[in-house]
Amino acid sequence: RASLANTLMYYGDFGSEYAFDLDGKEYTTFVAGSLSSSGRLPIDR
């Protein structure tokens, strides 16, 4: 990992839970860190 010799790796353990409705059924998803305009949202269908 020579390319990481001067690098600290990190990630946000904070975030948000979002609740929403799709055709009468309600779901949640989570976002870690900051919300991104091109991020991905996992939805347990």
All heavy atoms as atom14 arrays in JSON, in Angstrom:
{
  "sequence": "RASLANTLMYYGDFGSEYAFDLDGKEYTTFVAGSLSSSGRLPIDR",
  "atom14_mask": [
    [1, 1, 1, 1, 1, 1, 1, 1, 1, 1, 1, 0, 0, 0],
    [1, 1, 1, 1, 1, 0, 0, 0, 0, 0, 0, 0, 0, 0],
    [1, 1, 1, 1, 1, 1, 0, 0, 0, 0, 0, 0, 0, 0],
    [1, 1, 1, 1, 1, 1, 1, 1, 0, 0, 0, 0, 0, 0],
    [1, 1, 1, 1, 1, 0, 0, 0, 0, 0, 0, 0, 0, 0],
    [1, 1, 1, 1, 1, 1, 1, 1, 0, 0, 0, 0, 0, 0],
    [1, 1, 1, 1, 1, 1, 1, 0, 0, 0, 0, 0, 0, 0],
    [1, 1, 1, 1, 1, 1, 1, 1, 0, 0, 0, 0, 0, 0],
    [1, 1, 1, 1, 1, 1, 1, 1, 0, 0, 0, 0, 0, 0],
    [1, 1, 1, 1, 1, 1, 1, 1, 1, 1, 1, 1, 0, 0],
    [1, 1, 1, 1, 1, 1, 1, 1, 1, 1, 1, 1, 0, 0],
    [1, 1, 1, 1, 0, 0, 0, 0, 0, 0, 0, 0, 0, 0],
    [1, 1, 1, 1, 1, 1, 1, 1, 0, 0, 0, 0, 0, 0],
    [1, 1, 1, 1, 1, 1, 1, 1, 1, 1, 1, 0, 0, 0],
    [1, 1, 1, 1, 0, 0, 0, 0, 0, 0, 0, 0, 0, 0],
    [1, 1, 1, 1, 1, 1, 0, 0, 0, 0, 0, 0, 0, 0],
    [1, 1, 1, 1, 1, 1, 1, 1, 1, 0, 0, 0, 0, 0],
    [1, 1, 1, 1, 1, 1, 1, 1, 1, 1, 1, 1, 0, 0],
    [1, 1, 1, 1, 1, 0, 0, 0, 0, 0, 0, 0, 0, 0],
    [1, 1, 1, 1, 1, 1, 1, 1, 1, 1, 1, 0, 0, 0],
    [1, 1, 1, 1, 1, 1, 1, 1, 0, 0, 0, 0, 0, 0],
    [1, 1, 1, 1, 1, 1, 1, 1, 0, 0, 0, 0, 0, 0],
    [1, 1, 1, 1, 1, 1, 1, 1, 0, 0, 0, 0, 0, 0],
    [1, 1, 1, 1, 0, 0, 0, 0, 0, 0, 0, 0, 0, 0],
    [1, 1, 1, 1, 1, 1, 1, 1, 1, 0, 0, 0, 0, 0],
    [1, 1, 1, 1, 1, 1, 1, 1, 1, 0, 0, 0, 0, 0],
    [1, 1, 1, 1, 1, 1, 1, 1, 1, 1, 1, 1, 0, 0],
    [1, 1, 1, 1, 1, 1, 1, 0, 0, 0, 0, 0, 0, 0],
    [1, 1, 1, 1, 1, 1, 1, 0, 0, 0, 0, 0, 0, 0],
    [1, 1, 1, 1, 1, 1, 1, 1, 1, 1, 1, 0, 0, 0],
    [1, 1, 1, 1, 1, 1, 1, 0, 0, 0, 0, 0, 0, 0],
    [1, 1, 1, 1, 1, 0, 0, 0, 0, 0, 0, 0, 0, 0],
    [1, 1, 1, 1, 0, 0, 0, 0, 0, 0, 0, 0, 0, 0],
    [1, 1, 1, 1, 1, 1, 0, 0, 0, 0, 0, 0, 0, 0],
    [1, 1, 1, 1, 1, 1, 1, 1, 0, 0, 0, 0, 0, 0],
    [1, 1, 1, 1, 1, 1, 0, 0, 0, 0, 0, 0, 0, 0],
    [1, 1, 1, 1, 1, 1, 0, 0, 0, 0, 0, 0, 0, 0],
    [1, 1, 1, 1, 1, 1, 0, 0, 0, 0, 0, 0, 0, 0],
    [1, 1, 1, 1, 0, 0, 0, 0, 0, 0, 0, 0, 0, 0],
    [1, 1, 1, 1, 1, 1, 1, 1, 1, 1, 1, 0, 0, 0],
    [1, 1, 1, 1, 1, 1, 1, 1, 0, 0, 0, 0, 0, 0],
    [1, 1, 1, 1, 1, 1, 1, 0, 0, 0, 0, 0, 0, 0],
    [1, 1, 1, 1, 1, 1, 1, 1, 0, 0, 0, 0, 0, 0],
    [1, 1, 1, 1, 1, 1, 1, 1, 0, 0, 0, 0, 0, 0],
    [1, 1, 1, 1, 1, 1, 1, 1, 1, 1, 1, 0, 0, 0]
  ],
  "atom14_positions": [
    [[0.84, -1.2, 0.0], [0.0, 0.0, 0.0], [0.87, 1.25, 0.0], [0.62, 2.2, 0.74], [-0.93, -0.01, 1.22], [-1.88, -1.21, 1.25], [-2.83, -1.09, 2.43], [-3.85, -2.13, 2.41], [-3.77, -3.28, 3.07], [-2.68, -3.55, 3.79], [-4.75, -4.16, 3.01], [0.0, 0.0, 0.0], [0.0, 0.0, 0.0], [0.0, 0.0, 0.0]],
    [[1.88, 1.22, -0.86], [2.83, 2.34, -0.9], [2.13, 3.64, -1.24], [2.53, 4.72, -0.76], [3.92, 2.04, -1.93], [0.0, 0.0, 0.0], [0.0, 0.0, 0.0], [0.0, 0.0, 0.0], [0.0, 0.0, 0.0], [0.0, 0.0, 0.0], [0.0, 0.0, 0.0], [0.0, 0.0, 0.0], [0.0, 0.0, 0.0], [0.0, 0.0, 0.0]],
    [[1.07, 3.59, -2.04], [0.37, 4.81, -2.43], [-0.39, 5.44, -1.27], [-0.84, 6.59, -1.36], [-0.61, 4.51, -3.57], [-1.61, 3.59, -3.16], [0.0, 0.0, 0.0], [0.0, 0.0, 0.0], [0.0, 0.0, 0.0], [0.0, 0.0, 0.0], [0.0, 0.0, 0.0], [0.0, 0.0, 0.0], [0.0, 0.0, 0.0], [0.0, 0.0, 0.0]],
    [[-0.55, 4.69, -0.16], [-1.29, 5.21, 1.0], [-0.36, 5.56, 2.16], [-0.82, 5.77, 3.28], [-2.31, 4.17, 1.47], [-3.37, 3.75, 0.45], [-4.26, 2.66, 1.04], [-4.21, 4.95, 0.02], [0.0, 0.0, 0.0], [0.0, 0.0, 0.0], [0.0, 0.0, 0.0], [0.0, 0.0, 0.0], [0.0, 0.0, 0.0], [0.0, 0.0, 0.0]],
    [[0.93, 5.68, 1.87], [1.9, 5.93, 2.94], [1.66, 7.26, 3.63], [2.04, 7.44, 4.79], [3.32, 5.88, 2.38], [0.0, 0.0, 0.0], [0.0, 0.0, 0.0], [0.0, 0.0, 0.0], [0.0, 0.0, 0.0], [0.0, 0.0, 0.0], [0.0, 0.0, 0.0], [0.0, 0.0, 0.0], [0.0, 0.0, 0.0], [0.0, 0.0, 0.0]],
    [[1.03, 8.2, 2.94], [0.79, 9.52, 3.52], [-0.71, 9.83, 3.57], [-1.12, 10.97, 3.43], [1.51, 10.61, 2.71], [1.77, 11.86, 3.53], [2.18, 11.78, 4.69], [1.51, 13.02, 2.94], [0.0, 0.0, 0.0], [0.0, 0.0, 0.0], [0.0, 0.0, 0.0], [0.0, 0.0, 0.0], [0.0, 0.0, 0.0], [0.0, 0.0, 0.0]],
    [[-1.5, 8.78, 3.79], [-2.96, 8.9, 3.71], [-3.63, 8.37, 4.96], [-3.25, 7.32, 5.48], [-3.49, 8.12, 2.49], [-2.83, 8.58, 1.32], [-4.99, 8.29, 2.34], [0.0, 0.0, 0.0], [0.0, 0.0, 0.0], [0.0, 0.0, 0.0], [0.0, 0.0, 0.0], [0.0, 0.0, 0.0], [0.0, 0.0, 0.0], [0.0, 0.0, 0.0]],
    [[-4.65, 9.1, 5.42], [-5.55, 8.63, 6.47], [-6.87, 8.26, 5.8], [-7.39, 9.03, 4.99], [-5.79, 9.73, 7.51], [-6.7, 9.36, 8.69], [-5.93, 8.54, 9.7], [-7.26, 10.62, 9.34], [0.0, 0.0, 0.0], [0.0, 0.0, 0.0], [0.0, 0.0, 0.0], [0.0, 0.0, 0.0], [0.0, 0.0, 0.0], [0.0, 0.0, 0.0]],
    [[-7.38, 7.07, 6.09], [-8.67, 6.64, 5.54], [-9.76, 6.92, 6.58], [-9.56, 6.66, 7.77], [-8.64, 5.15, 5.21], [-7.48, 4.71, 4.33], [-7.5, 5.45, 2.69], [-8.96, 4.66, 2.0], [0.0, 0.0, 0.0], [0.0, 0.0, 0.0], [0.0, 0.0, 0.0], [0.0, 0.0, 0.0], [0.0, 0.0, 0.0], [0.0, 0.0, 0.0]],
    [[-10.9, 7.42, 6.13], [-11.96, 7.76, 7.08], [-13.32, 7.64, 6.41], [-13.45, 7.55, 5.18], [-11.77, 9.15, 7.66], [-12.02, 10.28, 6.67], [-13.23, 10.98, 6.66], [-11.05, 10.67, 5.75], [-13.47, 12.01, 5.77], [-11.27, 11.7, 4.86], [-12.49, 12.37, 4.86], [-12.72, 13.39, 3.96], [0.0, 0.0, 0.0], [0.0, 0.0, 0.0]],
    [[-14.37, 7.63, 7.24], [-15.74, 7.62, 6.73], [-16.66, 8.12, 7.84], [-16.34, 8.06, 9.03], [-16.17, 6.23, 6.26], [-16.06, 5.14, 7.3], [-17.14, 4.8, 8.12], [-14.88, 4.42, 7.48], [-17.05, 3.81, 9.07], [-14.78, 3.41, 8.42], [-15.86, 3.11, 9.21], [-15.76, 2.11, 10.15], [0.0, 0.0, 0.0], [0.0, 0.0, 0.0]],
    [[-17.81, 8.63, 7.44], [-18.77, 9.12, 8.41], [-19.59, 7.99, 8.99], [-20.13, 7.16, 8.25], [0.0, 0.0, 0.0], [0.0, 0.0, 0.0], [0.0, 0.0, 0.0], [0.0, 0.0, 0.0], [0.0, 0.0, 0.0], [0.0, 0.0, 0.0], [0.0, 0.0, 0.0], [0.0, 0.0, 0.0], [0.0, 0.0, 0.0], [0.0, 0.0, 0.0]],
    [[-19.67, 7.93, 10.31], [-20.54, 6.97, 10.98], [-21.84, 7.64, 11.4], [-22.65, 7.06, 12.1], [-19.83, 6.36, 12.19], [-20.51, 5.07, 12.65], [-21.08, 4.37, 11.8], [-20.48, 4.78, 13.86], [0.0, 0.0, 0.0], [0.0, 0.0, 0.0], [0.0, 0.0, 0.0], [0.0, 0.0, 0.0], [0.0, 0.0, 0.0], [0.0, 0.0, 0.0]],
    [[-22.02, 8.88, 10.97], [-23.26, 9.6, 11.18], [-24.04, 9.61, 9.86], [-23.49, 9.27, 8.8], [-22.99, 11.04, 11.64], [-22.29, 11.87, 10.59], [-23.02, 12.65, 9.69], [-20.9, 11.88, 10.51], [-22.36, 13.41, 8.73], [-20.24, 12.64, 9.56], [-20.98, 13.41, 8.66], [0.0, 0.0, 0.0], [0.0, 0.0, 0.0], [0.0, 0.0, 0.0]],
    [[-25.26, 10.01, 9.91], [-26.05, 10.08, 8.68], [-27.5, 10.31, 8.98], [-27.86, 10.85, 10.03], [0.0, 0.0, 0.0], [0.0, 0.0, 0.0], [0.0, 0.0, 0.0], [0.0, 0.0, 0.0], [0.0, 0.0, 0.0], [0.0, 0.0, 0.0], [0.0, 0.0, 0.0], [0.0, 0.0, 0.0], [0.0, 0.0, 0.0], [0.0, 0.0, 0.0]],
    [[-28.35, 9.86, 8.06], [-29.79, 10.09, 8.2], [-30.58, 8.87, 7.79], [-30.15, 8.09, 6.94], [-30.22, 11.28, 7.34], [-29.63, 12.48, 7.79], [0.0, 0.0, 0.0], [0.0, 0.0, 0.0], [0.0, 0.0, 0.0], [0.0, 0.0, 0.0], [0.0, 0.0, 0.0], [0.0, 0.0, 0.0], [0.0, 0.0, 0.0], [0.0, 0.0, 0.0]],
    [[-31.72, 8.7, 8.43], [-32.71, 7.72, 8.02], [-33.84, 8.47, 7.33], [-34.3, 9.5, 7.81], [-33.25, 6.96, 9.24], [-34.37, 5.98, 8.91], [-34.95, 5.32, 10.15], [-34.5, 5.66, 11.26], [-35.86, 4.5, 10.0], [0.0, 0.0, 0.0], [0.0, 0.0, 0.0], [0.0, 0.0, 0.0], [0.0, 0.0, 0.0], [0.0, 0.0, 0.0]],
    [[-34.29, 7.95, 6.19], [-35.35, 8.58, 5.42], [-36.53, 7.62, 5.28], [-36.34, 6.46, 4.92], [-34.86, 8.98, 4.03], [-33.77, 10.03, 4.05], [-32.43, 9.66, 4.02], [-34.08, 11.39, 4.11], [-31.43, 10.61, 4.03], [-33.08, 12.35, 4.12], [-31.76, 11.96, 4.1], [-30.76, 12.9, 4.13], [0.0, 0.0, 0.0], [0.0, 0.0, 0.0]],
    [[-37.72, 8.11, 5.56], [-38.95, 7.33, 5.4], [-39.77, 7.93, 4.26], [-39.88, 9.16, 4.15], [-39.76, 7.33, 6.69], [0.0, 0.0, 0.0], [0.0, 0.0, 0.0], [0.0, 0.0, 0.0], [0.0, 0.0, 0.0], [0.0, 0.0, 0.0], [0.0, 0.0, 0.0], [0.0, 0.0, 0.0], [0.0, 0.0, 0.0], [0.0, 0.0, 0.0]],
    [[-40.35, 7.08, 3.42], [-41.09, 7.57, 2.26], [-42.1, 6.52, 1.82], [-42.05, 5.36, 2.26], [-40.14, 7.92, 1.11], [-39.2, 6.8, 0.76], [-39.52, 5.86, -0.2], [-37.99, 6.66, 1.43], [-38.66, 4.82, -0.49], [-37.12, 5.61, 1.15], [-37.47, 4.69, 0.18], [0.0, 0.0, 0.0], [0.0, 0.0, 0.0], [0.0, 0.0, 0.0]],
    [[-43.01, 6.92, 0.94], [-44.1, 6.07, 0.49], [-43.97, 5.8, -1.01], [-43.72, 6.72, -1.79], [-45.43, 6.78, 0.78], [-46.62, 5.97, 0.3], [-46.9, 5.96, -0.92], [-47.29, 5.37, 1.15], [0.0, 0.0, 0.0], [0.0, 0.0, 0.0], [0.0, 0.0, 0.0], [0.0, 0.0, 0.0], [0.0, 0.0, 0.0], [0.0, 0.0, 0.0]],
    [[-44.1, 4.53, -1.41], [-44.15, 4.15, -2.82], [-45.43, 3.37, -3.05], [-45.59, 2.25, -2.55], [-42.95, 3.27, -3.19], [-41.54, 3.84, -2.99], [-40.5, 2.78, -3.35], [-41.34, 5.1, -3.81], [0.0, 0.0, 0.0], [0.0, 0.0, 0.0], [0.0, 0.0, 0.0], [0.0, 0.0, 0.0], [0.0, 0.0, 0.0], [0.0, 0.0, 0.0]],
    [[-46.38, 3.98, -3.75], [-47.65, 3.33, -4.08], [-48.34, 2.73, -2.86], [-48.8, 1.59, -2.88], [-47.43, 2.24, -5.14], [-47.23, 2.83, -6.53], [-47.49, 4.04, -6.71], [-46.8, 2.09, -7.43], [0.0, 0.0, 0.0], [0.0, 0.0, 0.0], [0.0, 0.0, 0.0], [0.0, 0.0, 0.0], [0.0, 0.0, 0.0], [0.0, 0.0, 0.0]],
    [[-48.38, 3.49, -1.79], [-49.11, 3.07, -0.61], [-48.34, 2.2, 0.35], [-48.86, 1.84, 1.41], [0.0, 0.0, 0.0], [0.0, 0.0, 0.0], [0.0, 0.0, 0.0], [0.0, 0.0, 0.0], [0.0, 0.0, 0.0], [0.0, 0.0, 0.0], [0.0, 0.0, 0.0], [0.0, 0.0, 0.0], [0.0, 0.0, 0.0], [0.0, 0.0, 0.0]],
    [[-47.12, 1.83, 0.02], [-46.29, 1.04, 0.92], [-45.11, 1.88, 1.36], [-44.53, 2.6, 0.55], [-45.81, -0.23, 0.22], [-45.16, -1.23, 1.16], [-44.86, -2.54, 0.44], [-44.28, -3.57, 1.39], [-44.0, -4.86, 0.72], [0.0, 0.0, 0.0], [0.0, 0.0, 0.0], [0.0, 0.0, 0.0], [0.0, 0.0, 0.0], [0.0, 0.0, 0.0]],
    [[-44.77, 1.77, 2.61], [-43.76, 2.65, 3.18], [-42.44, 1.94, 3.42], [-42.41, 0.78, 3.81], [-44.29, 3.28, 4.47], [-45.43, 4.25, 4.17], [-46.46, 4.29, 5.27], [-46.13, 3.89, 6.4], [-47.6, 4.7, 4.99], [0.0, 0.0, 0.0], [0.0, 0.0, 0.0], [0.0, 0.0, 0.0], [0.0, 0.0, 0.0], [0.0, 0.0, 0.0]],
    [[-41.36, 2.64, 3.15], [-40.02, 2.1, 3.21], [-39.1, 3.07, 3.93], [-39.43, 4.23, 4.15], [-39.46, 1.87, 1.8], [-40.26, 0.92, 0.95], [-41.36, 1.37, 0.23], [-39.91, -0.43, 0.86], [-42.09, 0.5, -0.57], [-40.63, -1.3, 0.06], [-41.73, -0.82, -0.65], [-42.44, -1.69, -1.43], [0.0, 0.0, 0.0], [0.0, 0.0, 0.0]],
    [[-37.93, 2.57, 4.29], [-36.88, 3.44, 4.8], [-35.59, 3.19, 4.03], [-35.39, 2.15, 3.42], [-36.6, 3.2, 6.3], [-36.21, 1.84, 6.48], [-37.8, 3.51, 7.15], [0.0, 0.0, 0.0], [0.0, 0.0, 0.0], [0.0, 0.0, 0.0], [0.0, 0.0, 0.0], [0.0, 0.0, 0.0], [0.0, 0.0, 0.0], [0.0, 0.0, 0.0]],
    [[-34.72, 4.18, 4.07], [-33.37, 4.03, 3.56], [-32.45, 4.85, 4.44], [-32.92, 5.68, 5.24], [-33.27, 4.47, 2.09], [-31.97, 4.14, 1.59], [-33.47, 5.98, 1.94], [0.0, 0.0, 0.0], [0.0, 0.0, 0.0], [0.0, 0.0, 0.0], [0.0, 0.0, 0.0], [0.0, 0.0, 0.0], [0.0, 0.0, 0.0], [0.0, 0.0, 0.0]],
    [[-31.15, 4.6, 4.33], [-30.17, 5.29, 5.15], [-29.09, 5.9, 4.26], [-28.73, 5.34, 3.23], [-29.51, 4.33, 6.15], [-30.45, 3.78, 7.19], [-31.18, 2.63, 6.93], [-30.62, 4.4, 8.41], [-32.04, 2.1, 7.86], [-31.48, 3.89, 9.36], [-32.19, 2.73, 9.09], [0.0, 0.0, 0.0], [0.0, 0.0, 0.0], [0.0, 0.0, 0.0]],
    [[-28.57, 7.03, 4.7], [-27.44, 7.68, 4.04], [-26.37, 7.92, 5.09], [-26.65, 8.5, 6.14], [-27.84, 9.01, 3.39], [-26.61, 9.77, 2.9], [-28.8, 8.78, 2.22], [0.0, 0.0, 0.0], [0.0, 0.0, 0.0], [0.0, 0.0, 0.0], [0.0, 0.0, 0.0], [0.0, 0.0, 0.0], [0.0, 0.0, 0.0], [0.0, 0.0, 0.0]],
    [[-25.17, 7.45, 4.82], [-24.05, 7.71, 5.73], [-23.37, 9.01, 5.31], [-23.19, 9.28, 4.13], [-23.06, 6.57, 5.67], [0.0, 0.0, 0.0], [0.0, 0.0, 0.0], [0.0, 0.0, 0.0], [0.0, 0.0, 0.0], [0.0, 0.0, 0.0], [0.0, 0.0, 0.0], [0.0, 0.0, 0.0], [0.0, 0.0, 0.0], [0.0, 0.0, 0.0]],
    [[-22.98, 9.81, 6.31], [-22.31, 11.07, 6.01], [-23.27, 12.07, 5.41], [-24.43, 12.18, 5.81], [0.0, 0.0, 0.0], [0.0, 0.0, 0.0], [0.0, 0.0, 0.0], [0.0, 0.0, 0.0], [0.0, 0.0, 0.0], [0.0, 0.0, 0.0], [0.0, 0.0, 0.0], [0.0, 0.0, 0.0], [0.0, 0.0, 0.0], [0.0, 0.0, 0.0]],
    [[-22.79, 12.78, 4.39], [-23.58, 13.84, 3.78], [-24.37, 13.31, 2.58], [-23.92, 12.42, 1.87], [-22.67, 14.99, 3.32], [-21.92, 15.5, 4.41], [0.0, 0.0, 0.0], [0.0, 0.0, 0.0], [0.0, 0.0, 0.0], [0.0, 0.0, 0.0], [0.0, 0.0, 0.0], [0.0, 0.0, 0.0], [0.0, 0.0, 0.0], [0.0, 0.0, 0.0]],
    [[-25.54, 13.89, 2.36], [-26.37, 13.54, 1.22], [-25.74, 14.06, -0.06], [-25.33, 15.21, -0.14], [-27.76, 14.14, 1.42], [-28.84, 13.76, 0.41], [-29.13, 12.27, 0.5], [-30.11, 14.57, 0.7], [0.0, 0.0, 0.0], [0.0, 0.0, 0.0], [0.0, 0.0, 0.0], [0.0, 0.0, 0.0], [0.0, 0.0, 0.0], [0.0, 0.0, 0.0]],
    [[-25.63, 13.19, -1.07], [-25.04, 13.56, -2.35], [-26.11, 13.57, -3.44], [-27.01, 12.73, -3.44], [-23.93, 12.58, -2.74], [-23.54, 12.75, -4.08], [0.0, 0.0, 0.0], [0.0, 0.0, 0.0], [0.0, 0.0, 0.0], [0.0, 0.0, 0.0], [0.0, 0.0, 0.0], [0.0, 0.0, 0.0], [0.0, 0.0, 0.0], [0.0, 0.0, 0.0]],
    [[-26.02, 14.5, -4.36], [-27.02, 14.62, -5.43], [-26.93, 13.47, -6.42], [-27.81, 13.32, -7.27], [-26.85, 15.95, -6.16], [-25.55, 16.04, -6.72], [0.0, 0.0, 0.0], [0.0, 0.0, 0.0], [0.0, 0.0, 0.0], [0.0, 0.0, 0.0], [0.0, 0.0, 0.0], [0.0, 0.0, 0.0], [0.0, 0.0, 0.0], [0.0, 0.0, 0.0]],
    [[-25.88, 12.66, -6.33], [-25.75, 11.5, -7.22], [-25.49, 10.22, -6.44], [-24.99, 9.24, -6.98], [-24.62, 11.73, -8.23], [-23.38, 11.93, -7.56], [0.0, 0.0, 0.0], [0.0, 0.0, 0.0], [0.0, 0.0, 0.0], [0.0, 0.0, 0.0], [0.0, 0.0, 0.0], [0.0, 0.0, 0.0], [0.0, 0.0, 0.0], [0.0, 0.0, 0.0]],
    [[-25.83, 10.24, -5.15], [-25.58, 9.08, -4.3], [-26.56, 7.94, -4.56], [-27.5, 8.05, -5.35], [0.0, 0.0, 0.0], [0.0, 0.0, 0.0], [0.0, 0.0, 0.0], [0.0, 0.0, 0.0], [0.0, 0.0, 0.0], [0.0, 0.0, 0.0], [0.0, 0.0, 0.0], [0.0, 0.0, 0.0], [0.0, 0.0, 0.0], [0.0, 0.0, 0.0]],
    [[-26.31, 6.82, -3.88], [-27.16, 5.64, -4.01], [-27.91, 5.39, -2.71], [-27.36, 5.58, -1.61], [-26.32, 4.42, -4.39], [-25.88, 4.44, -5.84], [-24.79, 3.42, -6.12], [-25.21, 2.04, -5.91], [-25.84, 1.29, -6.81], [-26.15, 1.8, -7.99], [-26.17, 0.04, -6.55], [0.0, 0.0, 0.0], [0.0, 0.0, 0.0], [0.0, 0.0, 0.0]],
    [[-29.14, 4.95, -2.84], [-30.01, 4.68, -1.69], [-30.41, 3.22, -1.69], [-31.08, 2.75, -2.61], [-31.27, 5.55, -1.76], [-31.05, 7.07, -1.83], [-32.39, 7.77, -2.03], [-30.37, 7.57, -0.57], [0.0, 0.0, 0.0], [0.0, 0.0, 0.0], [0.0, 0.0, 0.0], [0.0, 0.0, 0.0], [0.0, 0.0, 0.0], [0.0, 0.0, 0.0]],
    [[-30.03, 2.45, -0.66], [-30.47, 1.05, -0.56], [-31.88, 0.97, 0.0], [-32.21, 1.64, 0.98], [-29.45, 0.45, 0.41], [-29.0, 1.6, 1.25], [-29.09, 2.83, 0.39], [0.0, 0.0, 0.0], [0.0, 0.0, 0.0], [0.0, 0.0, 0.0], [0.0, 0.0, 0.0], [0.0, 0.0, 0.0], [0.0, 0.0, 0.0], [0.0, 0.0, 0.0]],
    [[-32.74, 0.18, -0.63], [-34.14, 0.06, -0.22], [-34.49, -1.42, -0.1], [-34.43, -2.16, -1.09], [-35.08, 0.76, -1.21], [-34.74, 2.26, -1.32], [-36.54, 0.59, -0.78], [-35.51, 2.99, -2.39], [0.0, 0.0, 0.0], [0.0, 0.0, 0.0], [0.0, 0.0, 0.0], [0.0, 0.0, 0.0], [0.0, 0.0, 0.0], [0.0, 0.0, 0.0]],
    [[-34.84, -1.85, 1.08], [-35.17, -3.26, 1.34], [-36.59, -3.53, 0.87], [-37.54, -3.49, 1.64], [-35.02, -3.55, 2.83], [-35.19, -5.02, 3.16], [-35.22, -5.83, 2.22], [-35.31, -5.35, 4.35], [0.0, 0.0, 0.0], [0.0, 0.0, 0.0], [0.0, 0.0, 0.0], [0.0, 0.0, 0.0], [0.0, 0.0, 0.0], [0.0, 0.0, 0.0]],
    [[-36.75, -3.88, -0.39], [-38.06, -4.03, -1.01], [-38.84, -5.22, -0.45], [-40.06, -5.16, -0.32], [-37.91, -4.21, -2.52], [-37.23, -3.05, -3.21], [-36.92, -3.4, -4.65], [-38.14, -3.69, -5.39], [-38.16, -4.3, -6.57], [-37.03, -4.74, -7.1], [-39.3, -4.51, -7.18], [0.0, 0.0, 0.0], [0.0, 0.0, 0.0], [0.0, 0.0, 0.0]]
  ]
}
